[in-house]
Protein backbone atom coordinates (compact mmCIF):
# COMPACT_ATOMS: atom_id res chain seq x y z
CA MET A 1 21.58 134.86 178.85
CA PRO A 2 24.61 136.42 180.61
CA ASN A 3 24.18 136.29 184.72
CA THR A 4 23.46 139.98 185.64
CA PRO A 5 25.45 140.68 188.59
CA LYS A 6 23.35 141.98 191.42
CA LYS A 7 23.69 145.69 192.70
CA ASN A 8 24.95 146.02 195.95
CA THR A 9 21.88 146.82 198.22
CA ILE A 10 22.59 148.91 201.58
CA LYS A 11 19.51 149.39 203.89
CA SER A 12 19.74 153.16 204.87
CA GLN A 13 19.41 153.94 208.51
CA LYS A 14 17.29 156.67 209.65
CA ASN A 15 18.80 159.36 211.56
CA PRO A 16 17.65 159.38 214.92
CA ASN A 17 18.11 163.21 215.16
CA ASP A 18 16.04 163.84 212.12
CA LYS A 19 13.49 162.03 213.84
CA ASN A 20 13.16 164.18 217.02
CA LYS A 21 13.77 167.43 214.45
CA SER A 22 10.54 166.12 212.89
CA ARG A 23 8.55 165.61 215.46
CA LYS A 24 9.54 168.88 217.06
CA LYS A 25 8.61 171.09 213.71
CA ARG A 26 5.16 169.19 214.01
CA ARG A 27 4.59 170.01 217.54
CA ARG A 28 5.69 173.67 216.98
CA ARG A 29 3.29 173.74 213.94
CA THR A 30 0.41 172.44 215.58
CA ALA A 31 0.65 175.09 218.20
CA TRP A 32 0.77 178.12 215.86
CA ILE A 33 -2.38 176.43 214.44
CA SER A 34 -4.02 175.60 217.79
CA VAL A 35 -3.37 179.53 218.62
CA GLY A 36 -4.83 180.70 215.24
CA VAL A 37 -8.25 178.37 215.58
CA ILE A 38 -8.27 180.61 218.69
CA ALA A 39 -7.02 183.95 217.06
CA VAL A 40 -10.04 183.64 214.25
CA LEU A 41 -13.08 183.98 216.43
CA LEU A 42 -12.05 185.20 219.65
CA GLY A 43 -9.02 187.38 218.85
CA ALA A 44 -6.01 185.18 220.31
CA ALA A 45 -3.64 185.42 217.20
CA VAL A 46 -0.19 185.58 217.47
CA ALA A 47 -0.47 188.57 214.71
CA ALA A 48 2.39 190.27 213.92
CA THR A 49 4.68 187.99 215.73
CA THR A 50 4.20 184.61 214.02
CA VAL A 51 3.63 185.79 210.62
CA ASN A 52 7.18 185.75 210.43
CA LEU A 53 7.92 182.27 211.88
CA HIS A 54 9.23 181.07 208.34
CA GLY A 55 10.78 184.19 207.14
CA LYS A 56 8.28 186.90 205.45
CA ASN A 57 9.45 186.87 201.47
CA GLY A 58 13.31 185.93 202.67
CA SER A 59 13.64 189.31 204.66
CA ASN A 60 15.90 189.25 207.71
CA GLN A 61 13.62 190.70 209.67
CA GLY A 62 11.82 187.32 209.51
CA ASN A 63 14.46 185.46 209.67
CA GLU A 64 15.74 187.09 212.85
CA LEU A 65 12.28 186.49 214.76
CA SER A 66 12.09 183.21 213.48
CA GLY A 67 15.15 182.37 215.54
CA LEU A 68 13.78 184.58 218.47
CA ILE A 69 10.85 182.22 218.19
CA HIS A 70 12.89 178.91 217.84
CA SER A 71 15.21 179.70 220.56
CA ALA A 72 12.01 180.35 222.64
CA VAL A 73 10.10 177.53 222.38
CA GLY A 74 13.06 175.54 223.84
CA THR A 75 13.37 177.09 226.99
CA ILE A 76 9.88 178.54 228.01
CA VAL A 77 7.33 175.69 227.22
CA GLY A 78 5.33 175.06 230.35
CA GLN A 79 6.34 178.03 232.92
CA SER A 80 3.48 180.26 233.04
CA GLY A 81 1.11 178.19 234.60
CA VAL A 82 -2.83 179.14 234.35
CA GLU A 83 -3.54 181.84 232.24
CA ASN A 84 -6.78 183.71 231.61
CA ILE A 85 -6.90 186.30 228.26
CA LEU A 86 -9.90 188.49 227.82
CA LEU A 87 -10.84 188.44 223.73
CA ILE A 88 -12.84 191.13 222.52
CA GLY A 89 -14.70 191.50 219.27
CA ASN A 90 -14.86 195.60 218.59
CA ASN A 91 -18.13 196.42 216.89
CA ALA A 92 -16.66 199.55 215.55
CA ARG A 93 -17.47 200.56 211.77
CA ASN A 94 -14.57 201.79 209.41
CA ALA A 95 -12.14 201.69 212.65
CA THR A 96 -8.44 203.06 211.93
CA SER A 97 -7.54 200.00 214.67
CA PRO A 98 -9.47 197.36 216.49
CA ILE A 99 -9.40 199.53 219.93
CA SER A 100 -10.75 202.69 218.02
CA LEU A 101 -14.64 203.87 217.85
CA GLY A 102 -14.80 204.71 214.59
CA ASP A 103 -17.94 205.87 212.70
CA GLY A 104 -20.07 203.87 215.06
CA GLY A 105 -20.21 201.19 217.73
CA GLY A 106 -16.98 201.03 219.59
CA GLN A 107 -18.07 198.54 222.21
CA ALA A 108 -17.10 194.89 222.92
CA ASP A 109 -19.81 193.26 220.82
CA ILE A 110 -18.12 189.99 221.92
CA MET A 111 -16.38 188.88 225.23
CA MET A 112 -14.77 185.67 225.88
CA VAL A 113 -12.10 184.74 228.40
CA ALA A 114 -9.95 182.18 227.23
CA HIS A 115 -8.49 180.20 230.13
CA ILE A 116 -5.58 178.06 229.40
CA ASP A 117 -4.75 175.39 231.91
CA PRO A 118 -1.18 173.75 230.61
CA THR A 119 -1.16 170.88 233.45
CA LYS A 120 -3.99 169.81 232.59
CA HIS A 121 -3.87 170.30 229.32
CA LEU A 122 -7.43 171.87 229.22
CA ILE A 123 -8.64 175.25 227.35
CA VAL A 124 -12.52 176.77 228.63
CA MET A 125 -14.12 179.39 226.59
CA ILE A 126 -16.13 181.31 228.90
CA THR A 127 -19.09 183.54 226.79
CA ILE A 128 -19.49 186.46 228.88
CA PRO A 129 -23.08 188.43 227.75
CA ARG A 130 -22.41 191.63 226.37
CA ASN A 131 -25.79 193.33 228.16
CA VAL A 132 -24.91 192.23 231.92
CA LEU A 133 -26.14 195.39 233.68
CA PHE A 134 -23.21 196.32 235.66
CA ALA A 135 -22.39 199.41 237.99
CA GLN A 136 -20.12 201.99 236.98
CA PRO A 137 -20.31 204.43 239.79
CA GLN A 138 -17.48 206.56 238.55
CA PHE A 139 -18.84 207.24 235.00
CA ASN A 140 -21.93 209.39 233.07
CA ASP A 141 -22.93 206.12 231.76
CA PRO A 142 -27.32 206.06 230.94
CA ILE A 143 -27.05 202.53 229.80
CA PRO A 144 -24.45 200.70 231.88
CA LYS A 145 -23.84 197.29 230.70
CA LEU A 146 -20.65 195.07 230.87
CA LYS A 147 -19.70 195.86 226.99
CA THR A 148 -20.20 199.78 227.17
CA LEU A 149 -17.04 199.98 229.36
CA PHE A 150 -14.74 199.50 226.10
CA PHE A 151 -16.32 202.97 224.59
CA ILE A 152 -15.73 204.38 228.06
CA GLY A 153 -11.59 203.62 228.04
CA ALA A 154 -11.62 204.32 224.40
CA GLN A 155 -13.09 207.92 224.99
CA MET A 156 -10.49 208.10 227.69
CA GLN A 157 -7.46 206.71 225.63
CA PRO A 158 -7.16 204.03 223.44
CA ASN A 159 -5.46 201.33 225.63
CA GLN A 160 -7.92 202.16 228.15
CA ALA A 161 -10.82 200.52 226.14
CA ALA A 162 -9.23 196.74 227.18
CA GLN A 163 -7.88 197.78 230.07
CA LEU A 164 -11.36 198.82 231.59
CA THR A 165 -13.13 196.09 230.04
CA MET A 166 -10.86 193.27 231.33
CA GLN A 167 -11.21 194.85 234.67
CA GLY A 168 -15.15 194.39 234.43
CA VAL A 169 -15.06 190.98 233.25
CA SER A 170 -12.62 190.44 236.39
CA GLN A 171 -15.19 191.48 238.19
CA LEU A 172 -17.78 189.52 236.70
CA THR A 173 -16.09 186.30 236.55
CA GLY A 174 -13.62 186.52 239.53
CA LEU A 175 -10.56 185.87 237.42
CA LYS A 176 -7.70 186.98 237.39
CA ILE A 177 -7.14 188.20 234.03
CA LYS A 178 -3.88 190.43 232.83
CA HIS A 179 -3.98 190.01 229.46
CA TYR A 180 -6.19 190.64 226.45
CA VAL A 181 -6.30 190.56 222.77
CA VAL A 182 -8.86 192.92 220.81
CA THR A 183 -9.96 192.65 216.77
CA ASP A 184 -12.89 194.11 214.81
CA PHE A 185 -15.56 193.19 212.41
CA GLN A 186 -13.31 193.63 209.67
CA GLY A 187 -10.58 191.25 211.12
CA PHE A 188 -13.19 188.55 211.37
CA VAL A 189 -13.86 188.88 207.73
CA ASP A 190 -10.30 189.01 206.85
CA ALA A 191 -9.64 185.67 209.16
CA ILE A 192 -12.64 183.98 207.33
CA ASN A 193 -11.41 185.08 203.65
CA ALA A 194 -7.82 184.15 204.55
CA VAL A 195 -8.68 180.42 205.25
CA GLY A 196 -10.89 180.22 202.42
CA GLY A 197 -14.16 180.50 204.00
CA ILE A 198 -15.92 178.14 206.68
CA ARG A 199 -18.28 175.28 206.33
CA ILE A 200 -21.09 175.70 208.65
CA ASP A 201 -24.42 173.96 208.61
CA VAL A 202 -26.88 176.66 209.23
CA PRO A 203 -29.97 176.07 211.08
CA GLY A 204 -33.03 177.67 209.63
CA ARG A 205 -33.41 180.47 207.17
CA LEU A 206 -31.82 183.86 208.30
CA TYR A 207 -32.90 187.04 207.07
CA ASP A 208 -31.92 190.17 208.68
CA PRO A 209 -31.40 193.27 206.04
CA ILE A 210 -31.01 195.63 208.41
CA ASN A 211 -28.99 195.10 211.43
CA SER A 212 -26.43 192.00 210.82
CA GLY A 213 -27.28 192.07 206.53
CA ALA A 214 -27.59 188.01 207.24
CA ASN A 215 -29.47 186.45 204.01
CA LEU A 216 -28.45 182.57 204.38
CA TYR A 217 -30.72 179.51 204.05
CA PRO A 218 -30.77 176.34 205.92
CA GLY A 219 -28.05 173.12 205.33
CA TRP A 220 -24.32 173.31 205.33
CA GLN A 221 -22.59 175.45 203.07
CA THR A 222 -19.22 177.70 203.15
CA LEU A 223 -19.52 180.74 203.98
CA ASN A 224 -17.30 183.76 203.19
CA GLY A 225 -16.05 186.11 205.77
CA GLN A 226 -18.98 188.39 205.46
CA GLN A 227 -21.58 185.69 205.19
CA ALA A 228 -19.72 184.40 208.26
CA LEU A 229 -19.84 187.77 209.95
CA ALA A 230 -23.35 188.02 209.50
CA PHE A 231 -23.87 184.40 210.59
CA ILE A 232 -22.81 185.28 214.46
CA ARG A 233 -24.10 188.74 214.69
CA ILE A 234 -28.11 188.08 213.75
CA ARG A 235 -30.55 188.06 216.47
CA GLN A 236 -33.34 189.85 214.69
CA ASN A 237 -34.31 186.97 212.45
CA GLN A 238 -37.36 188.36 210.15
CA ALA A 239 -37.63 184.81 208.76
CA SER A 240 -38.19 183.08 212.44
CA SER A 241 -39.73 183.52 215.43
CA THR A 242 -37.65 180.75 217.50
CA ILE A 243 -34.60 180.75 215.24
CA ARG A 244 -31.86 183.34 216.02
CA VAL A 245 -33.82 186.10 217.93
CA ASN A 246 -31.47 186.82 220.84
CA ASP A 247 -28.31 187.32 222.29
CA PHE A 248 -28.14 184.17 223.96
CA GLN A 249 -28.45 182.34 220.57
CA ARG A 250 -26.27 184.19 219.03
CA MET A 251 -23.21 183.12 221.83
CA ASP A 252 -24.19 179.58 220.28
CA ALA A 253 -23.08 180.59 217.03
CA GLU A 254 -19.75 181.90 218.34
CA VAL A 255 -19.44 178.55 219.64
CA GLN A 256 -20.17 176.73 216.40
CA MET A 257 -18.09 178.63 214.62
CA ILE A 258 -15.26 177.95 216.65
CA ASP A 259 -15.56 174.14 216.20
CA ALA A 260 -16.04 174.69 212.64
CA LEU A 261 -12.86 176.24 212.41
CA LYS A 262 -11.01 173.67 214.70
CA GLN A 263 -12.37 171.23 212.64
CA LYS A 264 -10.86 172.78 209.10
CA LEU A 265 -7.25 173.86 210.73
CA LEU A 266 -6.66 171.01 212.97
CA SER A 267 -7.82 168.03 211.41
CA PRO A 268 -5.63 165.48 210.00
CA GLY A 269 -4.74 166.12 206.64
CA SER A 270 -6.00 169.96 206.89
CA ASP A 271 -4.75 172.23 204.17
CA LEU A 272 -2.06 173.91 205.71
CA ALA A 273 -1.29 176.41 202.90
CA HIS A 274 -4.07 178.65 204.53
CA LEU A 275 -2.09 179.24 207.69
CA PRO A 276 0.41 182.16 206.55
CA ALA A 277 -2.25 184.34 204.64
CA LEU A 278 -4.26 183.66 208.06
CA ILE A 279 -1.54 184.88 210.56
CA GLY A 280 -0.78 187.78 208.16
CA THR A 281 -4.40 189.21 208.28
CA TRP A 282 -3.92 189.65 212.39
CA GLN A 283 -0.82 191.61 211.94
CA LYS A 284 -3.20 194.78 210.97
CA ASP A 285 -6.45 193.79 212.57
CA VAL A 286 -5.29 192.50 216.36
CA VAL A 287 -4.50 194.31 219.37
CA THR A 288 -2.96 192.42 222.28
CA ASN A 289 -0.53 193.02 225.42
CA LEU A 290 0.93 189.73 224.92
CA SER A 291 4.30 189.87 224.09
CA THR A 292 6.15 187.40 221.61
CA THR A 293 7.33 185.27 224.39
CA GLN A 294 4.12 185.03 225.60
CA LEU A 295 2.54 184.33 222.84
CA VAL A 296 5.01 181.34 222.42
CA GLN A 297 4.50 179.64 225.36
CA ILE A 298 0.43 179.97 224.85
CA ALA A 299 0.87 178.69 221.56
CA ASN A 300 2.62 175.57 223.06
CA GLU A 301 0.64 174.87 226.05
CA ALA A 302 -2.56 175.20 223.95
CA SER A 303 -1.40 172.56 221.22
CA GLY A 304 -3.61 169.69 221.30
CA ALA A 305 -5.76 170.81 224.09
CA LYS A 306 -9.09 169.97 225.45
CA ILE A 307 -11.47 172.80 224.77
CA ILE A 308 -14.81 173.09 226.20
CA HIS A 309 -17.02 176.09 226.34
CA LEU A 310 -19.09 177.72 228.91
CA THR A 311 -21.75 180.39 228.75
CA ILE A 312 -22.63 182.61 231.71
CA GLY A 313 -26.18 183.37 232.08
CA LYS A 314 -28.96 182.26 230.56
CA ILE A 315 -31.70 183.50 228.18
CA GLY A 316 -34.05 183.70 231.27
CA ASP A 317 -31.64 186.47 232.18
CA SER A 318 -32.61 189.19 229.97
CA MET A 319 -35.47 191.80 230.43
CA GLN A 320 -36.37 194.83 229.77
CA LEU A 321 -36.08 197.65 232.73
CA THR A 322 -37.55 200.70 232.45
CA SER A 323 -35.63 203.85 233.05
CA THR A 324 -35.63 204.82 236.86
CA ALA A 325 -33.21 205.36 239.85
CA LEU A 326 -30.87 202.95 240.97
CA PRO A 327 -28.39 203.98 243.19
CA GLY A 328 -24.81 203.74 242.66
CA VAL A 329 -25.40 202.01 238.93
CA ASN A 330 -23.63 205.02 237.39
CA ARG A 331 -22.92 208.69 238.51
CA GLU A 332 -26.18 209.83 237.93
CA ASN A 333 -27.66 206.97 240.32
CA TYR A 334 -30.27 206.28 236.76
CA ILE A 335 -30.29 203.97 234.17
CA THR A 336 -32.15 204.76 231.07
CA GLY A 337 -34.44 201.88 229.73
CA ALA A 338 -33.32 199.14 227.53
CA TYR A 339 -32.81 195.43 227.45
CA TYR A 340 -30.09 194.32 230.08
CA ASP A 341 -29.15 190.54 231.12
CA ILE A 342 -29.69 190.14 235.33
CA ILE A 343 -26.65 188.03 236.23
CA SER A 344 -26.71 185.77 239.26
CA THR A 345 -23.48 186.45 240.20
CA LYS A 346 -23.50 183.41 242.47
CA ASP A 347 -24.33 181.08 239.39
CA VAL A 348 -21.35 182.76 238.12
CA TYR A 349 -18.94 181.85 240.91
CA GLN A 350 -20.37 178.40 241.31
CA MET A 351 -19.78 177.97 237.79
CA LEU A 352 -16.29 179.21 237.65
CA LYS A 353 -14.97 177.93 241.02
CA PRO A 354 -13.47 175.30 239.35
CA TYR A 355 -11.11 177.44 237.14
CA GLY A 356 -10.23 179.70 239.99
CA SER A 357 -13.33 182.28 240.42
CA LYS A 358 -12.75 184.37 243.55
CA GLY A 359 -15.84 185.47 243.62
CA SER A 360 -18.60 187.32 241.38
CA SER A 361 -19.68 190.55 241.63
CA THR A 362 -21.38 193.18 239.17
CA GLY A 363 -21.31 196.13 241.66
CA LEU A 364 -25.24 195.99 242.26
CA GLN A 365 -27.82 194.48 244.84
CA THR A 366 -27.44 190.89 245.61
CA LEU A 367 -30.75 188.90 244.07
CA PRO A 368 -32.80 187.30 246.70
CA ASN A 369 -33.33 184.25 247.73
CA PRO A 370 -36.77 183.47 246.51
CA SER A 371 -38.30 182.22 249.32
CA SER A 372 -38.25 185.99 250.49
CA VAL A 373 -40.36 187.24 247.92
CA THR A 374 -44.11 187.45 247.49
CA VAL A 375 -45.65 187.48 244.10
CA GLN A 376 -49.18 188.38 243.72
CA LEU A 377 -49.89 187.35 240.59
CA TYR A 378 -52.57 188.21 238.14
CA GLY A 379 -52.38 185.18 235.37
CA SER A 380 -52.43 181.71 234.83
CA GLN A 381 -51.83 178.69 236.67
CA THR A 382 -48.42 177.74 234.41
CA TYR A 383 -47.02 181.09 235.70
CA ALA A 384 -48.20 180.39 238.92
CA ASP A 385 -46.72 176.40 239.18
CA ARG A 386 -43.31 177.80 237.55
CA LEU A 387 -42.53 180.59 240.46
CA LYS A 388 -43.80 178.27 243.37
CA ALA A 389 -41.45 175.41 242.07
CA ALA A 390 -38.40 178.10 242.14
CA GLY A 391 -39.52 178.47 245.84
CA PHE A 392 -41.32 182.12 245.68
CA ASN A 393 -44.43 182.78 248.03
CA VAL A 394 -47.30 183.45 245.41
CA GLN A 395 -50.59 184.54 245.49
CA ILE A 396 -53.18 184.18 242.64
CA MET A 397 -55.16 187.51 242.79
CA GLY A 398 -57.12 186.47 239.66
CA PRO A 399 -56.93 185.48 236.29
CA GLY A 400 -54.22 187.36 233.96
CA ASN A 401 -55.74 189.07 230.49
CA GLY A 402 -52.84 187.74 228.36
CA THR A 403 -50.74 190.72 228.83
CA TYR A 404 -47.45 190.42 226.37
CA PRO A 405 -44.63 190.98 227.40
CA VAL A 406 -45.59 190.32 231.42
CA GLN A 407 -45.22 193.17 233.34
CA ILE A 408 -43.31 193.37 236.67
CA ASP A 409 -44.13 195.48 239.30
CA TYR A 410 -41.65 195.86 241.71
CA PRO A 411 -41.70 197.60 245.18
CA SER A 412 -40.15 201.20 245.62
CA GLY A 413 -36.22 200.53 246.40
CA GLU A 414 -36.40 196.66 245.70
CA PRO A 415 -35.32 196.63 242.10
CA ALA A 416 -33.31 193.29 242.99
CA TRP A 417 -37.05 191.58 243.96
CA GLY A 418 -38.31 192.57 240.23
CA TRP A 419 -35.28 191.08 238.72
CA GLN A 420 -35.13 187.89 240.45
CA VAL A 421 -39.08 186.94 239.50
CA GLY A 422 -37.90 188.27 235.99
CA ARG A 423 -35.24 185.57 235.77
CA TYR A 424 -37.55 182.88 237.22
CA LEU A 425 -39.96 183.67 234.77
CA ALA A 426 -37.40 183.23 231.98
CA THR A 427 -39.49 184.59 229.21
CA GLY A 428 -36.68 186.81 227.94
CA ASN A 429 -38.74 189.80 227.31
CA SER A 430 -40.85 190.57 230.62
CA ILE A 431 -40.93 194.24 231.25
CA VAL A 432 -39.60 195.07 235.04
CA SER A 433 -40.51 198.76 236.57
CA PRO A 434 -41.21 200.48 239.60
CA GLY A 435 -44.60 200.80 240.94
CA SER A 436 -45.87 198.00 243.08
CA PRO A 437 -49.12 198.65 244.42
CA ASN A 438 -48.20 196.25 247.49
CA PRO A 439 -44.73 197.51 249.35
CA SER A 440 -44.23 193.95 250.25
CA ALA A 441 -44.85 191.90 247.03
CA VAL A 442 -43.92 191.74 243.48
CA VAL A 443 -46.98 192.27 241.34
CA VAL A 444 -47.05 189.95 238.04
CA TYR A 445 -49.46 190.68 235.25
CA ALA A 446 -49.20 187.74 232.28
């Protein structure tokens, strides 16, 4: 057999520039996905700006915007410093835009602050309870909660909905907040559907046909947009007395959804085919006062950052306040009875001080030190021990009669005494009213 001449083989040399381009491209892609994760759950989508990153249908507009973004990436990374962005979920139905009132709702049903620290490569997601009792002395709001500032602002003019909410959250957290992103129920549904659903471990039977529409069974499953919305909204579960029956458990579900989306979009080997559809949905579903340049900057700073979650308050902060006079809480100095969250501003400040908080305020009477409050208890030793451990001066007046919910009566003019007792009893459903028979003590019937 004749010898076959060997082919000359030349080892290909990789162009270092190609490697650098590839690295930059991966970095940009990861940056946009990082913001996409925040976007889906919390409203921090890059929306109308990033959808054209690759050009939409080859349009000139897409190519021009793509060029703008590519140029901006090279010049602004790392220049913004710490940024706090308020993320709002508007609960309006059939709204014409995320900042309109629609047919019903129109309140800030979900509020989170995204604290982005590029130096520490850290994102802190701070969940704000929607039912915080919050003074609004300039407004006629019979149920003055933090979430209702959105409704009040929307009645003034659309862009005031987010602005007013942002001012209130900034006062509560002590954080400087200049930017917001707002989405609504439909925006959340669209986003989950755009990524092909989300895989969630449902903690137990969830059934709430009247309010959230939830009808889910326990275990791992992929939820579509409507199911995912029901999953994070349910707090009136007819199938359980312990699982998903309050706002704080609902906030835990929001965090669970964040983690699930992060895993889906940022895990190695994740399917990036969903990304254009995800970003596209936010063109119509998100309103923000962030510019294109700012969004690009945040996207790069968020890329690969560690994400942690904090929740302001706890279930014990929730209690039913009866209708009563309350100076300074609104124009009428009177609140209508409802469930409110009574937040310790001291605790809020201590929690958020590491992230730049300058102090916390709800505009209400400061909660007293437990040691300054006397409690006369008609109830069990268990309740007495709980209050004594907190520092209250407790006098056991007699056995309780099994009162449920626990009744807390405070002396006239001292509502903060009753609120503080309610927080430390931590039942989550105490009824707190004026009318203590002792002008120097809170009386508890349990």
